[in-house]
Amino acid sequence: MAAQPASGESPLLTVDEILRALRDCFDPEFKLNLVDLGLIYNIATEPDPNSTPAWPRQRVRVTMTLTTPECGASGLILEQVHNRLASIPQVSKVEVDLVWEPKWTRQRISPVGLLQLRV
């Protein structure tokens, strides 16, 4: 449950809200958002009591992968994730951890993603 903000403050974000924001980030090769493509492995959040301004803000850490280590758009994709989350007022800091295990496979694509790709 999100912390209750004082009057005029924004509540802390839920993981679902962060995932919704990450649906704005796309893999240029597949032309599918990173969430439905199955590239987002984990999202961790924690309050940031030292943020400025001092209203409830949080740090967000995204653990993700790419479709292949040779992905030519890796810098663009990681930048998209960082910039999209950093643009949310409740977020004070974004960390994106790129991992290769478990390896991404097409089985990670969501049913919605499969429909969009018509696979």
PDB file of N, CA and C in Angstrom:
ATOM      1  N   MET A   1       0.847  -1.181   0.000  1.00  0.00           N
ATOM      2  CA  MET A   1       0.000   0.000   0.000  1.00  0.00           C
ATOM      3  C   MET A   1       0.890   1.242   0.000  1.00  0.00           C
ATOM      4  N   ALA A   2       0.562   2.185  -0.839  1.00  0.00           N
ATOM      5  CA  ALA A   2       1.364   3.403  -0.947  1.00  0.00           C
ATOM      6  C   ALA A   2       1.191   4.262   0.298  1.00  0.00           C
ATOM      7  N   ALA A   3       2.242   4.968   0.661  1.00  0.00           N
ATOM      8  CA  ALA A   3       2.188   5.873   1.804  1.00  0.00           C
ATOM      9  C   ALA A   3       1.203   6.996   1.511  1.00  0.00           C
ATOM     10  N   GLN A   4       0.537   7.450   2.543  1.00  0.00           N
ATOM     11  CA  GLN A   4      -0.411   8.544   2.382  1.00  0.00           C
ATOM     12  C   GLN A   4       0.337   9.871   2.380  1.00  0.00           C
ATOM     13  N   PRO A   5       0.191  10.657   1.345  1.00  0.00           N
ATOM     14  CA  PRO A   5       0.891  11.935   1.283  1.00  0.00           C
ATOM     15  C   PRO A   5       0.200  12.985   2.126  1.00  0.00           C
ATOM     16  N   ALA A   6       0.961  13.992   2.513  1.00  0.00           N
ATOM     17  CA  ALA A   6       0.370  15.158   3.152  1.00  0.00           C
ATOM     18  C   ALA A   6      -0.381  15.938   2.086  1.00  0.00           C
ATOM     19  N   SER A   7      -1.146  16.900   2.510  1.00  0.00           N
ATOM     20  CA  SER A   7      -1.936  17.694   1.584  1.00  0.00           C
ATOM     21  C   SER A   7      -1.078  18.263   0.456  1.00  0.00           C
ATOM     22  N   GLY A   8      -1.517  18.034  -0.793  1.00  0.00           N
ATOM     23  CA  GLY A   8      -0.809  18.578  -1.940  1.00  0.00           C
ATOM     24  C   GLY A   8       0.360  17.741  -2.425  1.00  0.00           C
ATOM     25  N   GLU A   9       0.682  16.638  -1.752  1.00  0.00           N
ATOM     26  CA  GLU A   9       1.811  15.802  -2.156  1.00  0.00           C
ATOM     27  C   GLU A   9       1.322  14.610  -2.967  1.00  0.00           C
ATOM     28  N   SER A  10       2.190  14.062  -3.805  1.00  0.00           N
ATOM     29  CA  SER A  10       1.856  12.899  -4.609  1.00  0.00           C
ATOM     30  C   SER A  10       2.195  11.633  -3.844  1.00  0.00           C
ATOM     31  N   PRO A  11       1.361  10.582  -3.959  1.00  0.00           N
ATOM     32  CA  PRO A  11       1.660   9.330  -3.273  1.00  0.00           C
ATOM     33  C   PRO A  11       2.828   8.609  -3.944  1.00  0.00           C
ATOM     34  N   LEU A  12       3.426   7.682  -3.203  1.00  0.00           N
ATOM     35  CA  LEU A  12       4.485   6.858  -3.783  1.00  0.00           C
ATOM     36  C   LEU A  12       3.908   5.976  -4.874  1.00  0.00           C
ATOM     37  N   LEU A  13       4.713   5.675  -5.855  1.00  0.00           N
ATOM     38  CA  LEU A  13       4.279   4.858  -6.988  1.00  0.00           C
ATOM     39  C   LEU A  13       4.271   3.382  -6.633  1.00  0.00           C
ATOM     40  N   THR A  14       3.361   2.655  -7.244  1.00  0.00           N
ATOM     41  CA  THR A  14       3.338   1.201  -7.112  1.00  0.00           C
ATOM     42  C   THR A  14       4.146   0.600  -8.265  1.00  0.00           C
ATOM     43  N   VAL A  15       4.475  -0.663  -8.152  1.00  0.00           N
ATOM     44  CA  VAL A  15       5.182  -1.359  -9.231  1.00  0.00           C
ATOM     45  C   VAL A  15       4.332  -1.340 -10.499  1.00  0.00           C
ATOM     46  N   ASP A  16       3.017  -1.515 -10.355  1.00  0.00           N
ATOM     47  CA  ASP A  16       2.142  -1.490 -11.532  1.00  0.00           C
ATOM     48  C   ASP A  16       2.187  -0.138 -12.244  1.00  0.00           C
ATOM     49  N   GLU A  17       2.255   0.947 -11.479  1.00  0.00           N
ATOM     50  CA  GLU A  17       2.340   2.269 -12.093  1.00  0.00           C
ATOM     51  C   GLU A  17       3.673   2.453 -12.820  1.00  0.00           C
ATOM     52  N   ILE A  18       4.727   1.905 -12.264  1.00  0.00           N
ATOM     53  CA  ILE A  18       6.037   1.984 -12.919  1.00  0.00           C
ATOM     54  C   ILE A  18       6.028   1.158 -14.203  1.00  0.00           C
ATOM     55  N   LEU A  19       5.443  -0.027 -14.144  1.00  0.00           N
ATOM     56  CA  LEU A  19       5.328  -0.854 -15.349  1.00  0.00           C
ATOM     57  C   LEU A  19       4.501  -0.142 -16.421  1.00  0.00           C
ATOM     58  N   ARG A  20       3.448   0.535 -16.010  1.00  0.00           N
ATOM     59  CA  ARG A  20       2.625   1.287 -16.966  1.00  0.00           C
ATOM     60  C   ARG A  20       3.468   2.355 -17.656  1.00  0.00           C
ATOM     61  N   ALA A  21       4.311   3.038 -16.898  1.00  0.00           N
ATOM     62  CA  ALA A  21       5.189   4.058 -17.488  1.00  0.00           C
ATOM     63  C   ALA A  21       6.193   3.422 -18.450  1.00  0.00           C
ATOM     64  N   LEU A  22       6.709   2.253 -18.090  1.00  0.00           N
ATOM     65  CA  LEU A  22       7.705   1.591 -18.941  1.00  0.00           C
ATOM     66  C   LEU A  22       7.100   1.062 -20.238  1.00  0.00           C
ATOM     67  N   ARG A  23       5.785   0.984 -20.306  1.00  0.00           N
ATOM     68  CA  ARG A  23       5.146   0.583 -21.565  1.00  0.00           C
ATOM     69  C   ARG A  23       5.309   1.666 -22.639  1.00  0.00           C
ATOM     70  N   ASP A  24       5.812   2.838 -22.245  1.00  0.00           N
ATOM     71  CA  ASP A  24       6.116   3.898 -23.215  1.00  0.00           C
ATOM     72  C   ASP A  24       7.489   3.706 -23.867  1.00  0.00           C
ATOM     73  N   CYS A  25       8.254   2.721 -23.396  1.00  0.00           N
ATOM     74  CA  CYS A  25       9.611   2.464 -23.904  1.00  0.00           C
ATOM     75  C   CYS A  25       9.561   1.262 -24.842  1.00  0.00           C
ATOM     76  N   PHE A  26      10.156   1.418 -26.017  1.00  0.00           N
ATOM     77  CA  PHE A  26      10.051   0.385 -27.046  1.00  0.00           C
ATOM     78  C   PHE A  26      11.402  -0.128 -27.508  1.00  0.00           C
ATOM     79  N   ASP A  27      11.418  -1.400 -27.905  1.00  0.00           N
ATOM     80  CA  ASP A  27      12.565  -1.976 -28.588  1.00  0.00           C
ATOM     81  C   ASP A  27      12.389  -1.623 -30.062  1.00  0.00           C
ATOM     82  N   PRO A  28      13.332  -0.890 -30.666  1.00  0.00           N
ATOM     83  CA  PRO A  28      13.143  -0.455 -32.049  1.00  0.00           C
ATOM     84  C   PRO A  28      13.126  -1.599 -33.068  1.00  0.00           C
ATOM     85  N   GLU A  29      13.739  -2.719 -32.727  1.00  0.00           N
ATOM     86  CA  GLU A  29      13.746  -3.847 -33.657  1.00  0.00           C
ATOM     87  C   GLU A  29      12.385  -4.536 -33.689  1.00  0.00           C
ATOM     88  N   PHE A  30      11.833  -4.809 -32.504  1.00  0.00           N
ATOM     89  CA  PHE A  30      10.552  -5.515 -32.418  1.00  0.00           C
ATOM     90  C   PHE A  30       9.360  -4.568 -32.515  1.00  0.00           C
ATOM     91  N   LYS A  31       9.599  -3.275 -32.263  1.00  0.00           N
ATOM     92  CA  LYS A  31       8.520  -2.283 -32.242  1.00  0.00           C
ATOM     93  C   LYS A  31       7.440  -2.687 -31.244  1.00  0.00           C
ATOM     94  N   LEU A  32       7.896  -3.139 -30.080  1.00  0.00           N
ATOM     95  CA  LEU A  32       7.013  -3.576 -28.999  1.00  0.00           C
ATOM     96  C   LEU A  32       7.564  -3.004 -27.702  1.00  0.00           C
ATOM     97  N   ASN A  33       6.667  -2.647 -26.786  1.00  0.00           N
ATOM     98  CA  ASN A  33       7.151  -2.065 -25.539  1.00  0.00           C
ATOM     99  C   ASN A  33       7.932  -3.103 -24.731  1.00  0.00           C
ATOM    100  N   LEU A  34       8.837  -2.597 -23.892  1.00  0.00           N
ATOM    101  CA  LEU A  34       9.760  -3.457 -23.155  1.00  0.00           C
ATOM    102  C   LEU A  34       9.074  -4.367 -22.154  1.00  0.00           C
ATOM    103  N   VAL A  35       7.949  -3.929 -21.604  1.00  0.00           N
ATOM    104  CA  VAL A  35       7.219  -4.748 -20.638  1.00  0.00           C
ATOM    105  C   VAL A  35       6.619  -5.961 -21.334  1.00  0.00           C
ATOM    106  N   ASP A  36       5.867  -5.727 -22.411  1.00  0.00           N
ATOM    107  CA  ASP A  36       5.243  -6.849 -23.119  1.00  0.00           C
ATOM    108  C   ASP A  36       6.260  -7.716 -23.849  1.00  0.00           C
ATOM    109  N   LEU A  37       7.408  -7.156 -24.141  1.00  0.00           N
ATOM    110  CA  LEU A  37       8.476  -7.947 -24.756  1.00  0.00           C
ATOM    111  C   LEU A  37       9.145  -8.871 -23.730  1.00  0.00           C
ATOM    112  N   GLY A  38       8.911  -8.598 -22.455  1.00  0.00           N
ATOM    113  CA  GLY A  38       9.457  -9.458 -21.395  1.00  0.00           C
ATOM    114  C   GLY A  38      10.874  -9.103 -21.004  1.00  0.00           C
ATOM    115  N   LEU A  39      11.286  -7.877 -21.268  1.00  0.00           N
ATOM    116  CA  LEU A  39      12.656  -7.467 -20.955  1.00  0.00           C
ATOM    117  C   LEU A  39      12.814  -6.954 -19.523  1.00  0.00           C
ATOM    118  N   ILE A  40      11.711  -6.611 -18.858  1.00  0.00           N
ATOM    119  CA  ILE A  40      11.766  -6.100 -17.491  1.00  0.00           C
ATOM    120  C   ILE A  40      11.652  -7.286 -16.537  1.00  0.00           C
ATOM    121  N   TYR A  41      12.721  -7.530 -15.769  1.00  0.00           N
ATOM    122  CA  TYR A  41      12.743  -8.675 -14.860  1.00  0.00           C
ATOM    123  C   TYR A  41      12.295  -8.323 -13.451  1.00  0.00           C
ATOM    124  N   ASN A  42      12.627  -7.120 -12.981  1.00  0.00           N
ATOM    125  CA  ASN A  42      12.276  -6.766 -11.610  1.00  0.00           C
ATOM    126  C   ASN A  42      12.266  -5.250 -11.455  1.00  0.00           C
ATOM    127  N   ILE A  43      11.418  -4.794 -10.541  1.00  0.00           N
ATOM    128  CA  ILE A  43      11.383  -3.386 -10.166  1.00  0.00           C
ATOM    129  C   ILE A  43      11.411  -3.331  -8.648  1.00  0.00           C
ATOM    130  N   ALA A  44      12.350  -2.572  -8.116  1.00  0.00           N
ATOM    131  CA  ALA A  44      12.446  -2.376  -6.673  1.00  0.00           C
ATOM    132  C   ALA A  44      12.349  -0.888  -6.398  1.00  0.00           C
ATOM    133  N   THR A  45      11.597  -0.540  -5.373  1.00  0.00           N
ATOM    134  CA  THR A  45      11.471   0.862  -4.992  1.00  0.00           C
ATOM    135  C   THR A  45      11.722   1.005  -3.507  1.00  0.00           C
ATOM    136  N   GLU A  46      12.136   2.190  -3.139  1.00  0.00           N
ATOM    137  CA  GLU A  46      12.279   2.507  -1.716  1.00  0.00           C
ATOM    138  C   GLU A  46      12.105   4.001  -1.552  1.00  0.00           C
ATOM    139  N   PRO A  47      11.537   4.405  -0.419  1.00  0.00           N
ATOM    140  CA  PRO A  47      11.392   5.839  -0.177  1.00  0.00           C
ATOM    141  C   PRO A  47      12.760   6.516  -0.147  1.00  0.00           C
ATOM    142  N   ASP A  48      12.783   7.755  -0.546  1.00  0.00           N
ATOM    143  CA  ASP A  48      14.018   8.539  -0.518  1.00  0.00           C
ATOM    144  C   ASP A  48      13.812   9.714   0.442  1.00  0.00           C
ATOM    145  N   PRO A  49      14.124   9.509   1.721  1.00  0.00           N
ATOM    146  CA  PRO A  49      13.883  10.564   2.709  1.00  0.00           C
ATOM    147  C   PRO A  49      14.767  11.793   2.514  1.00  0.00           C
ATOM    148  N   ASN A  50      15.815  11.673   1.724  1.00  0.00           N
ATOM    149  CA  ASN A  50      16.741  12.790   1.518  1.00  0.00           C
ATOM    150  C   ASN A  50      16.501  13.543   0.215  1.00  0.00           C
ATOM    151  N   SER A  51      15.407  13.230  -0.463  1.00  0.00           N
ATOM    152  CA  SER A  51      15.166  13.873  -1.757  1.00  0.00           C
ATOM    153  C   SER A  51      14.797  15.341  -1.578  1.00  0.00           C
ATOM    154  N   THR A  52      15.069  16.100  -2.615  1.00  0.00           N
ATOM    155  CA  THR A  52      14.678  17.499  -2.650  1.00  0.00           C
ATOM    156  C   THR A  52      13.851  17.694  -3.909  1.00  0.00           C
ATOM    157  N   PRO A  53      12.631  18.148  -3.856  1.00  0.00           N
ATOM    158  CA  PRO A  53      11.893  18.561  -2.670  1.00  0.00           C
ATOM    159  C   PRO A  53      11.613  17.378  -1.745  1.00  0.00           C
ATOM    160  N   ALA A  54      11.209  17.695  -0.530  1.00  0.00           N
ATOM    161  CA  ALA A  54      11.117  16.685   0.518  1.00  0.00           C
ATOM    162  C   ALA A  54       9.806  15.898   0.536  1.00  0.00           C
ATOM    163  N   TRP A  55       8.855  16.170  -0.332  1.00  0.00           N
ATOM    164  CA  TRP A  55       7.628  15.384  -0.319  1.00  0.00           C
ATOM    165  C   TRP A  55       7.937  13.954  -0.726  1.00  0.00           C
ATOM    166  N   PRO A  56       7.067  13.023  -0.437  1.00  0.00           N
ATOM    167  CA  PRO A  56       7.413  11.614  -0.678  1.00  0.00           C
ATOM    168  C   PRO A  56       7.878  11.333  -2.101  1.00  0.00           C
ATOM    169  N   ARG A  57       9.145  11.007  -2.202  1.00  0.00           N
ATOM    170  CA  ARG A  57       9.725  10.600  -3.476  1.00  0.00           C
ATOM    171  C   ARG A  57      10.412   9.268  -3.245  1.00  0.00           C
ATOM    172  N   GLN A  58      10.749   8.591  -4.321  1.00  0.00           N
ATOM    173  CA  GLN A  58      11.336   7.272  -4.152  1.00  0.00           C
ATOM    174  C   GLN A  58      12.414   7.005  -5.185  1.00  0.00           C
ATOM    175  N   ARG A  59      13.286   6.080  -4.808  1.00  0.00           N
ATOM    176  CA  ARG A  59      14.311   5.584  -5.721  1.00  0.00           C
ATOM    177  C   ARG A  59      13.733   4.343  -6.400  1.00  0.00           C
ATOM    178  N   VAL A  60      14.042   4.195  -7.676  1.00  0.00           N
ATOM    179  CA  VAL A  60      13.545   3.059  -8.450  1.00  0.00           C
ATOM    180  C   VAL A  60      14.732   2.357  -9.088  1.00  0.00           C
ATOM    181  N   ARG A  61      14.783   1.038  -8.914  1.00  0.00           N
ATOM    182  CA  ARG A  61      15.815   0.221  -9.551  1.00  0.00           C
ATOM    183  C   ARG A  61      15.110  -0.785 -10.466  1.00  0.00           C
ATOM    184  N   VAL A  62      15.477  -0.746 -11.745  1.00  0.00           N
ATOM    185  CA  VAL A  62      14.913  -1.653 -12.739  1.00  0.00           C
ATOM    186  C   VAL A  62      15.992  -2.661 -13.113  1.00  0.00           C
ATOM    187  N   THR A  63      15.649  -3.937 -13.011  1.00  0.00           N
ATOM    188  CA  THR A  63      16.529  -5.000 -13.497  1.00  0.00           C
ATOM    189  C   THR A  63      15.919  -5.498 -14.795  1.00  0.00           C
ATOM    190  N   MET A  64      16.722  -5.456 -15.845  1.00  0.00           N
ATOM    191  CA  MET A  64      16.198  -5.808 -17.166  1.00  0.00           C
ATOM    192  C   MET A  64      17.267  -6.475 -18.005  1.00  0.00           C
ATOM    193  N   THR A  65      16.848  -6.978 -19.137  1.00  0.00           N
ATOM    194  CA  THR A  65      17.765  -7.567 -20.092  1.00  0.00           C
ATOM    195  C   THR A  65      17.457  -7.000 -21.467  1.00  0.00           C
ATOM    196  N   LEU A  66      18.164  -7.464 -22.452  1.00  0.00           N
ATOM    197  CA  LEU A  66      17.901  -7.133 -23.848  1.00  0.00           C
ATOM    198  C   LEU A  66      17.717  -8.444 -24.597  1.00  0.00           C
ATOM    199  N   THR A  67      17.223  -8.358 -25.812  1.00  0.00           N
ATOM    200  CA  THR A  67      16.969  -9.586 -26.555  1.00  0.00           C
ATOM    201  C   THR A  67      18.249 -10.336 -26.894  1.00  0.00           C
ATOM    202  N   THR A  68      19.364  -9.600 -26.995  1.00  0.00           N
ATOM    203  CA  THR A  68      20.653 -10.209 -27.293  1.00  0.00           C
ATOM    204  C   THR A  68      21.767  -9.297 -26.783  1.00  0.00           C
ATOM    205  N   PRO A  69      22.879  -9.857 -26.343  1.00  0.00           N
ATOM    206  CA  PRO A  69      23.997  -9.004 -25.914  1.00  0.00           C
ATOM    207  C   PRO A  69      24.535  -8.112 -27.044  1.00  0.00           C
ATOM    208  N   GLU A  70      24.294  -8.497 -28.281  1.00  0.00           N
ATOM    209  CA  GLU A  70      24.776  -7.724 -29.426  1.00  0.00           C
ATOM    210  C   GLU A  70      23.784  -6.656 -29.871  1.00  0.00           C
ATOM    211  N   CYS A  71      22.769  -6.397 -29.081  1.00  0.00           N
ATOM    212  CA  CYS A  71      21.729  -5.432 -29.448  1.00  0.00           C
ATOM    213  C   CYS A  71      22.350  -4.076 -29.763  1.00  0.00           C
ATOM    214  N   GLY A  72      22.181  -3.631 -30.991  1.00  0.00           N
ATOM    215  CA  GLY A  72      22.745  -2.357 -31.424  1.00  0.00           C
ATOM    216  C   GLY A  72      22.050  -1.145 -30.814  1.00  0.00           C
ATOM    217  N   ALA A  73      20.856  -1.350 -30.282  1.00  0.00           N
ATOM    218  CA  ALA A  73      20.095  -0.247 -29.700  1.00  0.00           C
ATOM    219  C   ALA A  73      20.153  -0.244 -28.175  1.00  0.00           C
ATOM    220  N   SER A  74      21.117  -0.950 -27.607  1.00  0.00           N
ATOM    221  CA  SER A  74      21.165  -1.085 -26.144  1.00  0.00           C
ATOM    222  C   SER A  74      21.228   0.269 -25.440  1.00  0.00           C
ATOM    223  N   GLY A  75      22.081   1.160 -25.904  1.00  0.00           N
ATOM    224  CA  GLY A  75      22.190   2.476 -25.280  1.00  0.00           C
ATOM    225  C   GLY A  75      20.885   3.255 -25.352  1.00  0.00           C
ATOM    226  N   LEU A  76      20.227   3.209 -26.489  1.00  0.00           N
ATOM    227  CA  LEU A  76      18.951   3.887 -26.675  1.00  0.00           C
ATOM    228  C   LEU A  76      17.890   3.324 -25.738  1.00  0.00           C
ATOM    229  N   ILE A  77      17.820   2.008 -25.631  1.00  0.00           N
ATOM    230  CA  ILE A  77      16.803   1.365 -24.794  1.00  0.00           C
ATOM    231  C   ILE A  77      17.022   1.701 -23.322  1.00  0.00           C
ATOM    232  N   LEU A  78      18.251   1.591 -22.857  1.00  0.00           N
ATOM    233  CA  LEU A  78      18.539   1.906 -21.451  1.00  0.00           C
ATOM    234  C   LEU A  78      18.261   3.377 -21.156  1.00  0.00           C
ATOM    235  N   GLU A  79      18.594   4.249 -22.098  1.00  0.00           N
ATOM    236  CA  GLU A  79      18.330   5.676 -21.929  1.00  0.00           C
ATOM    237  C   GLU A  79      16.825   5.948 -21.874  1.00  0.00           C
ATOM    238  N   GLN A  80      16.056   5.254 -22.714  1.00  0.00           N
ATOM    239  CA  GLN A  80      14.593   5.403 -22.683  1.00  0.00           C
ATOM    240  C   GLN A  80      14.044   5.079 -21.299  1.00  0.00           C
ATOM    241  N   VAL A  81      14.492   3.949 -20.739  1.00  0.00           N
ATOM    242  CA  VAL A  81      14.007   3.517 -19.423  1.00  0.00           C
ATOM    243  C   VAL A  81      14.358   4.558 -18.366  1.00  0.00           C
ATOM    244  N   HIS A  82      15.613   4.961 -18.350  1.00  0.00           N
ATOM    245  CA  HIS A  82      16.050   5.940 -17.352  1.00  0.00           C
ATOM    246  C   HIS A  82      15.270   7.246 -17.488  1.00  0.00           C
ATOM    247  N   ASN A  83      15.196   7.782 -18.696  1.00  0.00           N
ATOM    248  CA  ASN A  83      14.546   9.074 -18.908  1.00  0.00           C
ATOM    249  C   ASN A  83      13.046   9.025 -18.623  1.00  0.00           C
ATOM    250  N   ARG A  84      12.400   7.920 -18.999  1.00  0.00           N
ATOM    251  CA  ARG A  84      10.944   7.829 -18.759  1.00  0.00           C
ATOM    252  C   ARG A  84      10.658   7.852 -17.267  1.00  0.00           C
ATOM    253  N   LEU A  85      11.404   7.085 -16.497  1.00  0.00           N
ATOM    254  CA  LEU A  85      11.150   7.043 -15.055  1.00  0.00           C
ATOM    255  C   LEU A  85      11.613   8.319 -14.366  1.00  0.00           C
ATOM    256  N   ALA A  86      12.712   8.892 -14.813  1.00  0.00           N
ATOM    257  CA  ALA A  86      13.211  10.125 -14.212  1.00  0.00           C
ATOM    258  C   ALA A  86      12.253  11.294 -14.443  1.00  0.00           C
ATOM    259  N   SER A  87      11.387  11.189 -15.439  1.00  0.00           N
ATOM    260  CA  SER A  87      10.433  12.262 -15.725  1.00  0.00           C
ATOM    261  C   SER A  87       9.221  12.244 -14.798  1.00  0.00           C
ATOM    262  N   ILE A  88       9.094  11.219 -13.972  1.00  0.00           N
ATOM    263  CA  ILE A  88       7.962  11.114 -13.047  1.00  0.00           C
ATOM    264  C   ILE A  88       8.297  11.891 -11.776  1.00  0.00           C
ATOM    265  N   PRO A  89       7.441  12.832 -11.381  1.00  0.00           N
ATOM    266  CA  PRO A  89       7.765  13.683 -10.223  1.00  0.00           C
ATOM    267  C   PRO A  89       8.055  12.921  -8.929  1.00  0.00           C
ATOM    268  N   GLN A  90       7.418  11.778  -8.713  1.00  0.00           N
ATOM    269  CA  GLN A  90       7.631  11.020  -7.476  1.00  0.00           C
ATOM    270  C   GLN A  90       8.959  10.269  -7.443  1.00  0.00           C
ATOM    271  N   VAL A  91       9.679  10.236  -8.557  1.00  0.00           N
ATOM    272  CA  VAL A  91      10.933   9.482  -8.637  1.00  0.00           C
ATOM    273  C   VAL A  91      12.110  10.437  -8.455  1.00  0.00           C
ATOM    274  N   SER A  92      12.956  10.126  -7.471  1.00  0.00           N
ATOM    275  CA  SER A  92      14.127  10.973  -7.206  1.00  0.00           C
ATOM    276  C   SER A  92      15.389  10.427  -7.848  1.00  0.00           C
ATOM    277  N   LYS A  93      15.457   9.098  -8.024  1.00  0.00           N
ATOM    278  CA  LYS A  93      16.663   8.483  -8.591  1.00  0.00           C
ATOM    279  C   LYS A  93      16.259   7.209  -9.322  1.00  0.00           C
ATOM    280  N   VAL A  94      16.892   6.964 -10.471  1.00  0.00           N
ATOM    281  CA  VAL A  94      16.636   5.760 -11.268  1.00  0.00           C
ATOM    282  C   VAL A  94      17.942   5.027 -11.468  1.00  0.00           C
ATOM    283  N   GLU A  95      17.924   3.734 -11.222  1.00  0.00           N
ATOM    284  CA  GLU A  95      19.055   2.867 -11.538  1.00  0.00           C
ATOM    285  C   GLU A  95      18.544   1.772 -12.457  1.00  0.00           C
ATOM    286  N   VAL A  96      19.266   1.520 -13.528  1.00  0.00           N
ATOM    287  CA  VAL A  96      18.902   0.464 -14.469  1.00  0.00           C
ATOM    288  C   VAL A  96      20.031  -0.545 -14.475  1.00  0.00           C
ATOM    289  N   ASP A  97      19.718  -1.757 -14.043  1.00  0.00           N
ATOM    290  CA  ASP A  97      20.698  -2.837 -14.022  1.00  0.00           C
ATOM    291  C   ASP A  97      20.431  -3.758 -15.207  1.00  0.00           C
ATOM    292  N   LEU A  98      21.425  -3.902 -16.066  1.00  0.00           N
ATOM    293  CA  LEU A  98      21.325  -4.778 -17.226  1.00  0.00           C
ATOM    294  C   LEU A  98      21.927  -6.128 -16.865  1.00  0.00           C
ATOM    295  N   VAL A  99      21.135  -7.184 -17.023  1.00  0.00           N
ATOM    296  CA  VAL A  99      21.580  -8.542 -16.695  1.00  0.00           C
ATOM    297  C   VAL A  99      21.396  -9.451 -17.913  1.00  0.00           C
ATOM    298  N   TRP A 100      22.133 -10.547 -17.919  1.00  0.00           N
ATOM    299  CA  TRP A 100      22.030 -11.509 -19.030  1.00  0.00           C
ATOM    300  C   TRP A 100      21.500 -12.855 -18.573  1.00  0.00           C
ATOM    301  N   GLU A 101      21.274 -13.009 -17.293  1.00  0.00           N
ATOM    302  CA  GLU A 101      20.687 -14.236 -16.752  1.00  0.00           C
ATOM    303  C   GLU A 101      19.472 -13.870 -15.941  1.00  0.00           C
ATOM    304  N   PRO A 102      18.349 -14.496 -16.137  1.00  0.00           N
ATOM    305  CA  PRO A 102      18.140 -15.516 -17.158  1.00  0.00           C
ATOM    306  C   PRO A 102      18.114 -14.915 -18.562  1.00  0.00           C
ATOM    307  N   LYS A 103      18.544 -15.714 -19.486  1.00  0.00           N
ATOM    308  CA  LYS A 103      18.584 -15.290 -20.881  1.00  0.00           C
ATOM    309  C   LYS A 103      17.164 -15.028 -21.387  1.00  0.00           C
ATOM    310  N   TRP A 104      17.005 -13.958 -22.168  1.00  0.00           N
ATOM    311  CA  TRP A 104      15.703 -13.654 -22.748  1.00  0.00           C
ATOM    312  C   TRP A 104      15.389 -14.649 -23.859  1.00  0.00           C
ATOM    313  N   THR A 105      14.138 -15.106 -23.894  1.00  0.00           N
ATOM    314  CA  THR A 105      13.638 -15.943 -24.992  1.00  0.00           C
ATOM    315  C   THR A 105      12.271 -15.413 -25.398  1.00  0.00           C
ATOM    316  N   ARG A 106      11.813 -15.816 -26.538  1.00  0.00           N
ATOM    317  CA  ARG A 106      10.491 -15.376 -27.026  1.00  0.00           C
ATOM    318  C   ARG A 106       9.356 -15.816 -26.100  1.00  0.00           C
ATOM    319  N   GLN A 107       9.587 -16.814 -25.263  1.00  0.00           N
ATOM    320  CA  GLN A 107       8.565 -17.263 -24.323  1.00  0.00           C
ATOM    321  C   GLN A 107       8.260 -16.196 -23.270  1.00  0.00           C
ATOM    322  N   ARG A 108       9.110 -15.211 -23.126  1.00  0.00           N
ATOM    323  CA  ARG A 108       8.893 -14.130 -22.149  1.00  0.00           C
ATOM    324  C   ARG A 108       7.917 -13.067 -22.681  1.00  0.00           C
ATOM    325  N   ILE A 109       7.609 -13.087 -23.970  1.00  0.00           N
ATOM    326  CA  ILE A 109       6.683 -12.111 -24.544  1.00  0.00           C
ATOM    327  C   ILE A 109       5.285 -12.379 -23.987  1.00  0.00           C
ATOM    328  N   SER A 110       4.616 -11.312 -23.552  1.00  0.00           N
ATOM    329  CA  SER A 110       3.275 -11.441 -22.977  1.00  0.00           C
ATOM    330  C   SER A 110       2.260 -11.824 -24.056  1.00  0.00           C
ATOM    331  N   PRO A 111       1.082 -12.342 -23.654  1.00  0.00           N
ATOM    332  CA  PRO A 111       0.041 -12.624 -24.630  1.00  0.00           C
ATOM    333  C   PRO A 111      -0.347 -11.381 -25.451  1.00  0.00           C
ATOM    334  N   VAL A 112      -0.377 -10.224 -24.802  1.00  0.00           N
ATOM    335  CA  VAL A 112      -0.685  -8.975 -25.526  1.00  0.00           C
ATOM    336  C   VAL A 112       0.408  -8.697 -26.561  1.00  0.00           C
ATOM    337  N   GLY A 113       1.666  -8.902 -26.163  1.00  0.00           N
ATOM    338  CA  GLY A 113       2.773  -8.698 -27.075  1.00  0.00           C
ATOM    339  C   GLY A 113       2.733  -9.644 -28.259  1.00  0.00           C
ATOM    340  N   LEU A 114       2.365 -10.891 -28.006  1.00  0.00           N
ATOM    341  CA  LEU A 114       2.266 -11.874 -29.093  1.00  0.00           C
ATOM    342  C   LEU A 114       1.193 -11.463 -30.092  1.00  0.00           C
ATOM    343  N   LEU A 115       0.077 -10.921 -29.584  1.00  0.00           N
ATOM    344  CA  LEU A 115      -0.970 -10.452 -30.490  1.00  0.00           C
ATOM    345  C   LEU A 115      -0.464  -9.284 -31.332  1.00  0.00           C
ATOM    346  N   GLN A 116       0.268  -8.374 -30.712  1.00  0.00           N
ATOM    347  CA  GLN A 116       0.786  -7.221 -31.446  1.00  0.00           C
ATOM    348  C   GLN A 116       1.800  -7.653 -32.501  1.00  0.00           C
ATOM    349  N   LEU A 117       2.588  -8.671 -32.181  1.00  0.00           N
ATOM    350  CA  LEU A 117       3.587  -9.156 -33.134  1.00  0.00           C
ATOM    351  C   LEU A 117       2.996 -10.129 -34.136  1.00  0.00           C
ATOM    352  N   ARG A 118       1.794 -10.603 -33.825  1.00  0.00           N
ATOM    353  CA  ARG A 118       1.117 -11.635 -34.641  1.00  0.00           C
ATOM    354  C   ARG A 118       1.979 -12.866 -34.808  1.00  0.00           C
ATOM    355  N   VAL A 119       2.560 -13.297 -33.657  1.00  0.00           N
ATOM    356  CA  VAL A 119       3.430 -14.485 -33.664  1.00  0.00           C
ATOM    357  C   VAL A 119       2.579 -15.707 -33.460  1.00  0.00           C
TER     358      VAL A 119
END
